[in-house]
Amino acid sequence: MTKAVLDTNVLVSALWTPAGNAAAIVGLVLSDRIVPCFDCRILDEYLAVLSQPRLAFSAGQVDRLLNEIAERGLLVTPLPSKIALPDESDRKFYDVAKFCGACLITGNARHYPDDPDITNPARFLEKLNAAP
């Protein structure tokens, strides 16, 4: 089974565009084809961002999504990395991905080092579909 860390922007995109690549990735989580990896900081960010009134997601929609991720996923406590990142708030996603040996799926790959395990939703789906 494939492990992945979902950047918050992937969840926002999935809820905004139900027919998009990010929603397809969430669908793979819900069908147990992807194991989402996270720590408490990531779950806290998911809730804080998805609950923002400007996004207009319903509380029920957010609760259902986050409960599914929490129930199907892997909660870890990674060691902090020393690598320089342009946005320190992204470190939690990077550290969890490295700790779990997981792919990091993000719409902001420029916030992370050049690494084949850091990808956007479209490329992740391409690689997943190409795998034997």
Protein backbone atom coordinates (compact mmCIF):
# COMPACT_ATOMS: atom_id res chain seq x y z
CA MET A 1 0.00 0.00 0.00
CA THR A 2 1.21 3.49 -0.85
CA LYS A 3 1.88 5.93 1.97
CA ALA A 4 1.38 9.63 1.35
CA VAL A 5 1.42 12.90 3.22
CA LEU A 6 -1.24 15.26 1.92
CA ASP A 7 -0.41 18.94 2.10
CA THR A 8 -3.37 20.98 3.28
CA ASN A 9 -3.72 22.57 -0.16
CA VAL A 10 -4.55 19.12 -1.56
CA LEU A 11 -7.53 18.81 0.79
CA VAL A 12 -8.71 22.32 -0.04
CA SER A 13 -8.49 21.52 -3.76
CA ALA A 14 -10.30 18.22 -3.26
CA LEU A 15 -13.23 19.94 -1.57
CA TRP A 16 -13.33 22.79 -4.08
CA THR A 17 -13.06 20.61 -7.19
CA PRO A 18 -14.71 17.22 -6.66
CA ALA A 19 -13.75 16.05 -10.16
CA GLY A 20 -10.09 17.10 -9.90
CA ASN A 21 -6.84 15.29 -9.24
CA ALA A 22 -6.78 16.20 -5.55
CA ALA A 23 -10.27 14.75 -5.10
CA ALA A 24 -9.12 11.58 -6.88
CA ILE A 25 -6.31 11.28 -4.32
CA VAL A 26 -8.77 11.69 -1.45
CA GLY A 27 -10.88 9.02 -3.13
CA LEU A 28 -7.88 6.70 -3.07
CA VAL A 29 -7.53 7.36 0.66
CA LEU A 30 -11.22 6.57 1.18
CA SER A 31 -10.86 3.33 -0.82
CA ASP A 32 -7.81 2.33 1.25
CA ARG A 33 -5.39 2.48 -1.69
CA ILE A 34 -3.37 5.24 -0.03
CA VAL A 35 -2.47 5.41 3.65
CA PRO A 36 -2.35 9.04 4.74
CA CYS A 37 0.50 9.80 7.15
CA PHE A 38 0.30 12.72 9.56
CA ASP A 39 1.19 14.04 12.97
CA CYS A 40 -0.87 16.10 15.41
CA ARG A 41 0.40 19.37 13.91
CA ILE A 42 -0.84 18.36 10.46
CA LEU A 43 -4.27 17.38 11.78
CA ASP A 44 -4.46 20.72 13.61
CA GLU A 45 -3.59 22.61 10.43
CA TYR A 46 -6.13 20.65 8.40
CA LEU A 47 -8.87 21.60 10.86
CA ALA A 48 -7.79 25.25 11.17
CA VAL A 49 -7.57 25.83 7.42
CA LEU A 50 -10.61 23.85 6.31
CA SER A 51 -12.75 25.54 8.99
CA GLN A 52 -11.95 29.06 7.80
CA PRO A 53 -15.22 30.85 6.98
CA ARG A 54 -13.78 32.25 3.74
CA LEU A 55 -13.55 28.72 2.34
CA ALA A 56 -17.23 28.08 3.09
CA PHE A 57 -16.89 24.34 3.68
CA SER A 58 -19.58 23.00 5.99
CA ALA A 59 -18.55 21.75 9.41
CA GLY A 60 -20.03 18.35 8.55
CA GLN A 61 -18.03 18.14 5.33
CA VAL A 62 -14.79 19.01 7.15
CA ASP A 63 -15.51 16.64 10.06
CA ARG A 64 -16.30 13.71 7.73
CA LEU A 65 -13.12 14.22 5.70
CA LEU A 66 -10.85 14.61 8.72
CA ASN A 67 -12.42 11.65 10.54
CA GLU A 68 -11.85 9.45 7.48
CA ILE A 69 -8.23 10.55 7.23
CA ALA A 70 -7.64 10.00 10.94
CA GLU A 71 -9.29 6.56 10.92
CA ARG A 72 -7.51 5.31 7.80
CA GLY A 73 -4.15 6.92 8.39
CA LEU A 74 -0.95 6.58 10.29
CA LEU A 75 -0.31 8.98 13.17
CA VAL A 76 3.42 9.43 13.81
CA THR A 77 5.80 11.60 15.80
CA PRO A 78 8.69 12.38 13.47
CA LEU A 79 12.09 13.76 14.37
CA PRO A 80 12.60 17.30 13.09
CA SER A 81 14.85 17.68 10.07
CA LYS A 82 17.61 20.24 9.74
CA ILE A 83 17.04 20.99 6.05
CA ALA A 84 16.38 24.63 5.15
CA LEU A 85 12.85 25.27 3.87
CA PRO A 86 11.51 28.55 2.45
CA ASP A 87 8.39 28.30 4.61
CA GLU A 88 9.05 26.85 8.05
CA SER A 89 5.36 25.99 8.48
CA ASP A 90 5.80 23.34 5.77
CA ARG A 91 8.42 21.43 7.78
CA LYS A 92 5.84 19.20 9.48
CA PHE A 93 4.72 17.76 6.12
CA TYR A 94 8.30 17.18 4.98
CA ASP A 95 9.35 15.59 8.27
CA VAL A 96 6.38 13.23 8.38
CA ALA A 97 6.93 12.18 4.77
CA LYS A 98 10.61 11.45 5.37
CA PHE A 99 9.91 9.66 8.67
CA CYS A 100 7.30 7.39 7.04
CA GLY A 101 9.07 6.88 3.71
CA ALA A 102 5.97 8.43 2.15
CA CYS A 103 5.35 10.56 -0.90
CA LEU A 104 4.54 14.19 -0.13
CA ILE A 105 1.71 15.44 -2.34
CA THR A 106 1.48 19.21 -2.58
CA GLY A 107 0.39 22.00 -4.85
CA ASN A 108 3.42 23.98 -3.64
CA ALA A 109 6.41 21.81 -4.55
CA ARG A 110 8.56 24.97 -4.72
CA HIS A 111 8.31 25.15 -0.91
CA TYR A 112 10.31 21.93 -0.64
CA PRO A 113 13.67 20.57 -1.83
CA ASP A 114 13.91 18.95 -5.24
CA ASP A 115 13.03 15.35 -4.41
CA PRO A 116 11.29 12.67 -6.50
CA ASP A 117 9.08 11.81 -3.52
CA ILE A 118 7.65 15.35 -3.44
CA THR A 119 5.10 15.78 -6.18
CA ASN A 120 1.88 17.43 -7.23
CA PRO A 121 -1.45 15.57 -7.45
CA ALA A 122 -1.35 15.08 -11.25
CA ARG A 123 2.16 13.59 -11.25
CA PHE A 124 1.35 11.42 -8.24
CA LEU A 125 -1.65 9.94 -10.04
CA GLU A 126 0.42 9.37 -13.20
CA LYS A 127 3.08 7.50 -11.24
CA LEU A 128 0.50 5.51 -9.31
CA ASN A 129 -1.33 4.49 -12.48
CA ALA A 130 1.94 3.54 -14.19
CA ALA A 131 3.02 1.28 -11.32
CA PRO A 132 2.66 -2.46 -11.99
